Each structure stands twice: as C-alpha cells, then as structure tokens.
Amino acid sequence: SLYLSILELKTKHGRMLSDMETRKLDPGEGAEIDRIEHLIEKKQNQRDRLIEKRKKGHFVVRAPYRFVSEILGMPEGSISVMMSRVMDSFRMDAEIRKALLDE
C-alpha cells in the first residue's frame, strides 16, 4: 500500500505540473505541489526505512495474543509491545544474537 500511495502522489504531481503548463499558476496550486512533493519524499523515506529494517533481519513474530494475554493476565494490546521489546533485546544482546545466527 505504501508503493501505491507513492505512485498515486507521483501521478497527481505529474497531472498538476502538466495542467500548470497549459494555464497560469494559481498561488494555491504552488503550495499544493510543494505539499505533494514533501509527501512523496516522506513516503519514500518511510519505504527506505522499512527496506533497511528488512535487510537487517528484523523478525516477524506472530502469536495468539488473546491466549497469551489470558496466561499472563495482561491486556492484548500490551502483548505485541512486550514481544517487540523482547525481540529488540535479542537483537541488542551479542551472545543471543550469535547463538541465533550460529544455529
């Protein structure tokens, strides 16, 4: 969906630029074009960060949150945050990281 969003913004940007060539520039349109360019840059940076995280080997964890929350007596929303923190700890700890990569 991120790629589609970037594509839609680029299409809208191109359409506005071609429309501007055929008629006089409205001051509001210049601001709109700047806003779209900023959004495109922002989305591309977001995409690049996601690709970088994937290259670093970030894990995807799936768990039955309702079941785990009942066992631990915690709200379901807290489980994903807790699991994310556990994975971050694994990534930060050199010994755990080495053990995971060696096996």
N, C-alpha and C. Protein backbone atom coordinates (compact mmCIF):
# COMPACT_ATOMS: atom_id res chain seq x y z
N SER A 1 0.81 -1.19 0.00
CA SER A 1 0.00 0.00 0.00
C SER A 1 0.86 1.26 0.00
N LEU A 2 2.07 1.15 0.57
CA LEU A 2 2.98 2.29 0.58
C LEU A 2 3.41 2.62 -0.86
N TYR A 3 3.68 1.58 -1.64
CA TYR A 3 4.07 1.79 -3.04
C TYR A 3 2.94 2.43 -3.84
N LEU A 4 1.71 1.97 -3.59
CA LEU A 4 0.57 2.55 -4.29
C LEU A 4 0.36 4.01 -3.90
N SER A 5 0.57 4.32 -2.65
CA SER A 5 0.43 5.69 -2.18
C SER A 5 1.45 6.60 -2.87
N ILE A 6 2.69 6.12 -2.98
CA ILE A 6 3.73 6.90 -3.66
C ILE A 6 3.36 7.09 -5.13
N LEU A 7 2.89 6.01 -5.76
CA LEU A 7 2.51 6.08 -7.17
C LEU A 7 1.36 7.07 -7.39
N GLU A 8 0.36 7.04 -6.52
CA GLU A 8 -0.77 7.96 -6.65
C GLU A 8 -0.32 9.41 -6.49
N LEU A 9 0.58 9.66 -5.52
CA LEU A 9 1.08 11.02 -5.31
C LEU A 9 1.89 11.49 -6.52
N LYS A 10 2.71 10.60 -7.08
CA LYS A 10 3.51 10.98 -8.25
C LYS A 10 2.60 11.27 -9.45
N THR A 11 1.55 10.48 -9.60
CA THR A 11 0.60 10.70 -10.70
C THR A 11 -0.10 12.05 -10.52
N LYS A 12 -0.55 12.33 -9.32
CA LYS A 12 -1.22 13.60 -9.03
C LYS A 12 -0.26 14.77 -9.27
N HIS A 13 1.00 14.61 -8.85
CA HIS A 13 2.02 15.65 -9.03
C HIS A 13 2.24 15.91 -10.52
N GLY A 14 2.38 14.84 -11.29
CA GLY A 14 2.59 14.99 -12.73
C GLY A 14 1.41 15.65 -13.42
N ARG A 15 0.20 15.27 -13.01
CA ARG A 15 -1.01 15.87 -13.58
C ARG A 15 -1.05 17.37 -13.28
N MET A 16 -0.73 17.73 -12.05
CA MET A 16 -0.76 19.16 -11.68
C MET A 16 0.29 19.95 -12.46
N LEU A 17 1.48 19.36 -12.64
CA LEU A 17 2.52 20.06 -13.39
C LEU A 17 2.12 20.25 -14.85
N SER A 18 1.51 19.23 -15.45
CA SER A 18 1.09 19.36 -16.85
C SER A 18 -0.06 20.37 -16.98
N ASP A 19 -0.95 20.41 -16.00
CA ASP A 19 -2.03 21.41 -16.01
C ASP A 19 -1.47 22.82 -15.88
N MET A 20 -0.42 22.97 -15.08
CA MET A 20 0.17 24.29 -14.87
C MET A 20 0.81 24.82 -16.15
N GLU A 21 1.34 23.91 -16.98
CA GLU A 21 1.98 24.34 -18.22
C GLU A 21 0.96 24.93 -19.20
N THR A 22 -0.27 24.46 -19.12
CA THR A 22 -1.29 24.93 -20.06
C THR A 22 -2.02 26.19 -19.60
N ARG A 23 -1.90 26.52 -18.32
CA ARG A 23 -2.57 27.73 -17.83
C ARG A 23 -1.71 28.41 -16.77
N LYS A 24 -2.14 29.59 -16.35
CA LYS A 24 -1.38 30.37 -15.38
C LYS A 24 -1.43 29.70 -14.00
N LEU A 25 -0.31 29.80 -13.27
CA LEU A 25 -0.19 29.18 -11.95
C LEU A 25 -1.02 29.92 -10.91
N ASP A 26 -1.86 29.19 -10.24
CA ASP A 26 -2.64 29.71 -9.12
C ASP A 26 -1.76 29.58 -7.87
N PRO A 27 -1.66 30.63 -7.02
CA PRO A 27 -0.80 30.55 -5.83
C PRO A 27 -1.10 29.35 -4.93
N GLY A 28 -2.35 28.97 -4.84
CA GLY A 28 -2.71 27.82 -4.02
C GLY A 28 -2.18 26.52 -4.60
N GLU A 29 -2.08 26.46 -5.92
CA GLU A 29 -1.58 25.25 -6.57
C GLU A 29 -0.09 25.06 -6.31
N GLY A 30 0.65 26.16 -6.26
CA GLY A 30 2.08 26.07 -5.96
C GLY A 30 2.31 25.46 -4.59
N ALA A 31 1.51 25.89 -3.64
CA ALA A 31 1.62 25.34 -2.28
C ALA A 31 1.21 23.87 -2.26
N GLU A 32 0.19 23.53 -3.05
CA GLU A 32 -0.26 22.13 -3.12
C GLU A 32 0.82 21.24 -3.74
N ILE A 33 1.50 21.74 -4.76
CA ILE A 33 2.58 20.98 -5.39
C ILE A 33 3.72 20.77 -4.39
N ASP A 34 4.06 21.80 -3.65
CA ASP A 34 5.10 21.67 -2.62
C ASP A 34 4.70 20.64 -1.57
N ARG A 35 3.43 20.66 -1.18
CA ARG A 35 2.94 19.71 -0.19
C ARG A 35 3.03 18.27 -0.72
N ILE A 36 2.66 18.08 -1.98
CA ILE A 36 2.72 16.75 -2.58
C ILE A 36 4.16 16.27 -2.68
N GLU A 37 5.07 17.16 -3.07
CA GLU A 37 6.49 16.80 -3.15
C GLU A 37 7.01 16.38 -1.78
N HIS A 38 6.60 17.10 -0.75
CA HIS A 38 7.00 16.76 0.62
C HIS A 38 6.45 15.39 1.01
N LEU A 39 5.19 15.13 0.67
CA LEU A 39 4.57 13.83 0.99
C LEU A 39 5.27 12.69 0.26
N ILE A 40 5.63 12.91 -1.01
CA ILE A 40 6.34 11.88 -1.77
C ILE A 40 7.67 11.57 -1.11
N GLU A 41 8.41 12.61 -0.74
CA GLU A 41 9.70 12.42 -0.08
C GLU A 41 9.54 11.67 1.25
N LYS A 42 8.52 12.04 2.00
CA LYS A 42 8.26 11.41 3.29
C LYS A 42 7.93 9.92 3.12
N LYS A 43 7.09 9.61 2.15
CA LYS A 43 6.71 8.21 1.90
C LYS A 43 7.90 7.40 1.40
N GLN A 44 8.74 8.01 0.55
CA GLN A 44 9.91 7.30 0.06
C GLN A 44 10.90 7.03 1.19
N ASN A 45 11.05 7.97 2.10
CA ASN A 45 11.91 7.75 3.26
C ASN A 45 11.36 6.63 4.13
N GLN A 46 10.04 6.61 4.30
CA GLN A 46 9.40 5.55 5.08
C GLN A 46 9.65 4.19 4.43
N ARG A 47 9.51 4.14 3.11
CA ARG A 47 9.77 2.90 2.37
C ARG A 47 11.22 2.46 2.53
N ASP A 48 12.15 3.40 2.43
CA ASP A 48 13.57 3.08 2.58
C ASP A 48 13.88 2.54 3.97
N ARG A 49 13.25 3.12 5.00
CA ARG A 49 13.47 2.62 6.37
C ARG A 49 12.94 1.20 6.53
N LEU A 50 11.78 0.92 5.93
CA LEU A 50 11.23 -0.44 6.00
C LEU A 50 12.14 -1.44 5.29
N ILE A 51 12.67 -1.05 4.14
CA ILE A 51 13.58 -1.93 3.40
C ILE A 51 14.84 -2.17 4.22
N GLU A 52 15.36 -1.13 4.85
CA GLU A 52 16.57 -1.26 5.67
C GLU A 52 16.32 -2.19 6.85
N LYS A 53 15.16 -2.06 7.51
CA LYS A 53 14.83 -2.96 8.62
C LYS A 53 14.78 -4.40 8.15
N ARG A 54 14.21 -4.60 6.98
CA ARG A 54 14.11 -5.96 6.45
C ARG A 54 15.50 -6.52 6.16
N LYS A 55 16.39 -5.69 5.62
CA LYS A 55 17.75 -6.14 5.34
C LYS A 55 18.50 -6.50 6.61
N LYS A 56 18.19 -5.80 7.70
CA LYS A 56 18.85 -6.09 8.97
C LYS A 56 18.36 -7.38 9.60
N GLY A 57 17.32 -7.96 9.04
CA GLY A 57 16.83 -9.24 9.52
C GLY A 57 15.88 -9.14 10.69
N HIS A 58 15.10 -8.08 10.74
CA HIS A 58 14.13 -7.97 11.82
C HIS A 58 13.12 -9.10 11.70
N PHE A 59 12.78 -9.66 12.81
CA PHE A 59 11.90 -10.81 12.84
C PHE A 59 10.44 -10.38 12.80
N VAL A 60 9.63 -11.25 12.23
CA VAL A 60 8.19 -11.07 12.28
C VAL A 60 7.68 -12.11 13.26
N VAL A 61 6.99 -11.66 14.28
CA VAL A 61 6.50 -12.56 15.30
C VAL A 61 4.98 -12.61 15.23
N ARG A 62 4.46 -13.81 15.17
CA ARG A 62 3.01 -13.98 15.20
C ARG A 62 2.69 -14.83 16.41
N ALA A 63 1.69 -14.43 17.12
CA ALA A 63 1.31 -15.16 18.33
C ALA A 63 -0.19 -15.02 18.55
N PRO A 64 -0.78 -16.00 19.21
CA PRO A 64 -2.20 -15.89 19.57
C PRO A 64 -2.33 -14.94 20.77
N TYR A 65 -2.47 -13.64 20.48
CA TYR A 65 -2.44 -12.63 21.53
C TYR A 65 -3.48 -12.86 22.62
N ARG A 66 -4.67 -13.29 22.24
CA ARG A 66 -5.72 -13.50 23.24
C ARG A 66 -5.30 -14.59 24.23
N PHE A 67 -4.76 -15.69 23.70
CA PHE A 67 -4.32 -16.80 24.54
C PHE A 67 -3.17 -16.37 25.47
N VAL A 68 -2.18 -15.69 24.89
CA VAL A 68 -1.03 -15.23 25.68
C VAL A 68 -1.47 -14.22 26.73
N SER A 69 -2.39 -13.33 26.38
CA SER A 69 -2.85 -12.33 27.35
C SER A 69 -3.59 -12.98 28.52
N GLU A 70 -4.34 -14.04 28.25
CA GLU A 70 -5.02 -14.75 29.33
C GLU A 70 -4.01 -15.42 30.26
N ILE A 71 -2.98 -16.03 29.70
CA ILE A 71 -1.97 -16.71 30.51
C ILE A 71 -1.22 -15.72 31.39
N LEU A 72 -0.82 -14.59 30.78
CA LEU A 72 -0.02 -13.60 31.52
C LEU A 72 -0.86 -12.63 32.32
N GLY A 73 -2.16 -12.61 32.07
CA GLY A 73 -3.03 -11.67 32.77
C GLY A 73 -2.79 -10.23 32.37
N MET A 74 -2.49 -10.03 31.08
CA MET A 74 -2.21 -8.69 30.55
C MET A 74 -3.19 -8.38 29.43
N PRO A 75 -3.40 -7.10 29.15
CA PRO A 75 -4.25 -6.73 28.01
C PRO A 75 -3.60 -7.19 26.69
N GLU A 76 -4.43 -7.53 25.71
CA GLU A 76 -3.92 -8.00 24.42
C GLU A 76 -3.00 -6.98 23.75
N GLY A 77 -3.34 -5.71 23.86
CA GLY A 77 -2.52 -4.67 23.23
C GLY A 77 -1.11 -4.60 23.78
N SER A 78 -0.94 -4.98 25.02
CA SER A 78 0.39 -4.94 25.64
C SER A 78 1.27 -6.09 25.18
N ILE A 79 0.67 -7.16 24.71
CA ILE A 79 1.43 -8.34 24.32
C ILE A 79 2.33 -8.04 23.13
N SER A 80 1.80 -7.39 22.10
CA SER A 80 2.63 -7.10 20.92
C SER A 80 3.78 -6.17 21.27
N VAL A 81 3.53 -5.20 22.14
CA VAL A 81 4.59 -4.28 22.57
C VAL A 81 5.66 -5.06 23.33
N MET A 82 5.23 -5.94 24.23
CA MET A 82 6.16 -6.74 25.01
C MET A 82 6.99 -7.65 24.10
N MET A 83 6.35 -8.29 23.12
CA MET A 83 7.08 -9.17 22.21
C MET A 83 8.08 -8.38 21.37
N SER A 84 7.70 -7.20 20.97
CA SER A 84 8.61 -6.35 20.21
C SER A 84 9.83 -5.99 21.04
N ARG A 85 9.63 -5.69 22.31
CA ARG A 85 10.76 -5.37 23.20
C ARG A 85 11.66 -6.57 23.41
N VAL A 86 11.07 -7.76 23.52
CA VAL A 86 11.87 -8.97 23.67
C VAL A 86 12.75 -9.17 22.43
N MET A 87 12.17 -8.99 21.25
CA MET A 87 12.95 -9.15 20.01
C MET A 87 14.05 -8.10 19.93
N ASP A 88 13.77 -6.88 20.35
CA ASP A 88 14.81 -5.84 20.38
C ASP A 88 15.94 -6.24 21.32
N SER A 89 15.59 -6.83 22.45
CA SER A 89 16.62 -7.29 23.40
C SER A 89 17.48 -8.37 22.77
N PHE A 90 16.85 -9.28 22.03
CA PHE A 90 17.61 -10.32 21.34
C PHE A 90 18.58 -9.71 20.35
N ARG A 91 18.13 -8.70 19.64
CA ARG A 91 18.99 -8.07 18.64
C ARG A 91 20.16 -7.34 19.29
N MET A 92 19.93 -6.76 20.46
CA MET A 92 20.97 -5.98 21.13
C MET A 92 22.00 -6.85 21.84
N ASP A 93 21.60 -7.99 22.34
CA ASP A 93 22.50 -8.85 23.11
C ASP A 93 23.37 -9.65 22.15
N ALA A 94 24.69 -9.44 22.21
CA ALA A 94 25.63 -10.07 21.28
C ALA A 94 25.63 -11.59 21.41
N GLU A 95 25.56 -12.11 22.64
CA GLU A 95 25.59 -13.56 22.84
C GLU A 95 24.35 -14.23 22.26
N ILE A 96 23.20 -13.66 22.52
CA ILE A 96 21.96 -14.23 21.99
C ILE A 96 21.97 -14.15 20.47
N ARG A 97 22.41 -13.03 19.96
CA ARG A 97 22.48 -12.84 18.51
C ARG A 97 23.37 -13.89 17.86
N LYS A 98 24.54 -14.12 18.48
CA LYS A 98 25.48 -15.11 17.96
C LYS A 98 24.86 -16.51 18.01
N ALA A 99 24.20 -16.84 19.12
CA ALA A 99 23.57 -18.15 19.27
C ALA A 99 22.47 -18.36 18.22
N LEU A 100 21.70 -17.32 17.95
CA LEU A 100 20.63 -17.44 16.96
C LEU A 100 21.19 -17.60 15.55
N LEU A 101 22.27 -16.91 15.26
CA LEU A 101 22.83 -16.95 13.92
C LEU A 101 23.66 -18.20 13.67
N ASP A 102 24.25 -18.77 14.72
CA ASP A 102 25.08 -19.97 14.55
C ASP A 102 24.25 -21.22 14.35
N GLU A 103 23.05 -21.25 14.86
CA GLU A 103 22.23 -22.47 14.75
C GLU A 103 21.27 -22.42 13.62
